[in-house]
Amino acid sequence: QVQLVESGGGLVQAGGSLRLSCAASGRTFMSYAMGWFRQAPEKEREFVAAINWSGGRTYHADSVRGRFTISRDNAKNTVYLQMNSLKPEDTAVYYCAAATKLRGWGPRSPSEYDYWGQGTQVTVSS
């Protein structure tokens, strides 16, 4: 019902910036929240940021608050993750996710989301 395509990943030096995009298609009107998660090798998938689709309410993980900003453009059905002051520990595969129904886990939990993008690699060099 929903297809997600991420873009914008790549290699950047520490202190640099990167902007990830997640283009959504399909029955996007069913998505009440969009989120970004990341997973580094040998680590669990962790929450990065989330946004309410229509209202714009945002959530950010403590580890990225003040550096990363999630936003959305409803007209383009696109969610963004602006990443500033990048650190080597930000290196991970970043996934975009969509929640189309209320599961009760909350926007910070991967279990809340029923659609996922393919992931895009972000590598921050020191």
Protein backbone atom coordinates (compact mmCIF):
# COMPACT_ATOMS: atom_id res chain seq x y z
CA GLN A 1 0.00 0.00 0.00
CA VAL A 2 2.90 2.32 0.73
CA GLN A 3 6.26 2.41 -0.99
CA LEU A 4 9.20 4.28 0.47
CA VAL A 5 12.36 5.28 -1.36
CA GLU A 6 15.25 6.83 0.51
CA SER A 7 17.97 8.95 -1.00
CA GLY A 8 20.74 11.27 0.08
CA GLY A 9 23.04 8.90 1.88
CA GLY A 10 26.74 8.91 1.29
CA LEU A 11 30.14 9.65 2.73
CA VAL A 12 30.77 12.80 4.70
CA GLN A 13 33.49 14.03 7.01
CA ALA A 14 32.91 14.56 10.69
CA GLY A 15 31.28 17.90 11.32
CA GLY A 16 29.65 17.91 7.94
CA SER A 17 26.01 17.77 6.94
CA LEU A 18 23.80 15.46 4.98
CA ARG A 19 20.14 15.53 4.05
CA LEU A 20 18.18 12.34 3.65
CA SER A 21 14.93 12.18 1.74
CA CYS A 22 12.17 9.63 1.87
CA ALA A 23 9.67 9.74 -0.95
CA ALA A 24 6.41 7.98 -0.21
CA SER A 25 3.95 6.68 -2.75
CA GLY A 26 0.81 4.63 -2.67
CA ARG A 27 -1.86 5.08 -0.04
CA THR A 28 0.06 7.69 1.86
CA PHE A 29 -3.08 9.20 3.29
CA MET A 30 -3.15 6.21 5.59
CA SER A 31 0.19 7.13 7.12
CA TYR A 32 -0.23 8.96 10.38
CA ALA A 33 3.46 9.00 11.20
CA MET A 34 6.80 8.69 9.47
CA GLY A 35 10.05 7.81 11.14
CA TRP A 36 13.76 7.46 10.65
CA PHE A 37 15.71 4.63 12.21
CA ARG A 38 19.30 3.55 11.88
CA GLN A 39 21.29 0.41 12.40
CA ALA A 40 25.02 0.09 12.72
CA PRO A 41 26.89 -3.23 12.46
CA GLU A 42 26.54 -5.34 15.58
CA LYS A 43 24.05 -2.92 17.05
CA GLU A 44 20.30 -2.91 17.39
CA ARG A 45 18.13 -0.77 15.21
CA GLU A 46 17.56 2.50 16.99
CA PHE A 47 15.10 5.33 16.73
CA VAL A 48 16.33 8.57 15.23
CA ALA A 49 13.33 10.81 14.61
CA ALA A 50 9.64 10.73 13.77
CA ILE A 51 6.98 13.13 12.60
CA ASN A 52 3.22 13.24 12.55
CA TRP A 53 2.24 13.38 8.91
CA SER A 54 -0.44 16.04 9.03
CA GLY A 55 0.29 17.96 12.19
CA GLY A 56 4.05 18.09 12.06
CA ARG A 57 4.64 17.03 15.65
CA THR A 58 8.20 15.77 15.86
CA TYR A 59 10.21 13.44 18.02
CA HIS A 60 13.98 13.19 18.15
CA ALA A 61 16.28 10.77 19.90
CA ASP A 62 18.42 12.27 22.62
CA SER A 63 21.55 11.28 20.72
CA VAL A 64 20.63 13.45 17.74
CA ARG A 65 18.57 16.24 19.23
CA GLY A 66 20.01 19.58 18.28
CA ARG A 67 21.89 18.09 15.35
CA PHE A 68 19.23 16.28 13.32
CA THR A 69 15.89 17.67 12.25
CA ILE A 70 13.01 15.77 10.73
CA SER A 71 10.56 17.58 8.50
CA ARG A 72 7.97 16.82 5.87
CA ASP A 73 6.52 18.25 2.69
CA ASN A 74 3.00 16.94 2.38
CA ALA A 75 2.64 18.21 -1.19
CA LYS A 76 5.61 16.11 -2.23
CA ASN A 77 4.80 13.18 0.05
CA THR A 78 8.35 13.41 1.25
CA VAL A 79 9.99 13.28 4.64
CA TYR A 80 13.45 14.67 5.26
CA LEU A 81 16.16 14.19 7.79
CA GLN A 82 18.60 17.06 7.96
CA MET A 83 21.75 15.88 9.67
CA ASN A 84 24.25 18.45 10.87
CA SER A 85 27.41 18.19 12.93
CA LEU A 86 27.77 14.58 11.95
CA LYS A 87 29.90 12.29 14.05
CA PRO A 88 31.56 8.97 13.21
CA GLU A 89 29.12 7.27 15.57
CA ASP A 90 26.31 8.38 13.28
CA THR A 91 27.58 5.90 10.71
CA ALA A 92 24.80 3.43 10.00
CA VAL A 93 22.21 2.31 7.52
CA TYR A 94 19.31 4.71 7.79
CA TYR A 95 15.78 3.48 7.21
CA CYS A 96 12.63 5.38 6.52
CA ALA A 97 9.43 3.92 7.91
CA ALA A 98 5.71 4.60 7.69
CA ALA A 99 2.97 3.83 10.18
CA THR A 100 -0.44 3.42 8.60
CA LYS A 101 -2.35 2.21 11.61
CA LEU A 102 -2.19 2.65 15.32
CA ARG A 103 -0.46 -0.27 16.99
CA GLY A 104 0.15 1.36 20.32
CA TRP A 105 3.92 1.04 20.51
CA GLY A 106 4.50 4.73 19.96
CA PRO A 107 6.45 6.58 17.27
CA ARG A 108 9.82 5.76 18.83
CA SER A 109 9.37 2.01 18.42
CA PRO A 110 10.13 0.14 15.20
CA SER A 111 7.13 -2.05 15.97
CA GLU A 112 4.83 0.88 15.33
CA TYR A 113 5.71 0.91 11.64
CA ASP A 114 4.41 -1.41 8.97
CA TYR A 115 6.29 -0.14 5.91
CA TRP A 116 10.01 0.32 5.48
CA GLY A 117 12.36 1.64 2.86
CA GLN A 118 15.40 -0.22 1.60
CA GLY A 119 17.82 1.78 3.70
CA THR A 120 20.57 4.17 2.73
CA GLN A 121 24.14 4.07 3.98
CA VAL A 122 25.52 7.04 5.84
CA THR A 123 29.22 6.96 6.57
CA VAL A 124 30.93 9.65 8.60
CA SER A 125 34.70 9.65 8.47
CA SER A 126 36.99 11.07 11.12
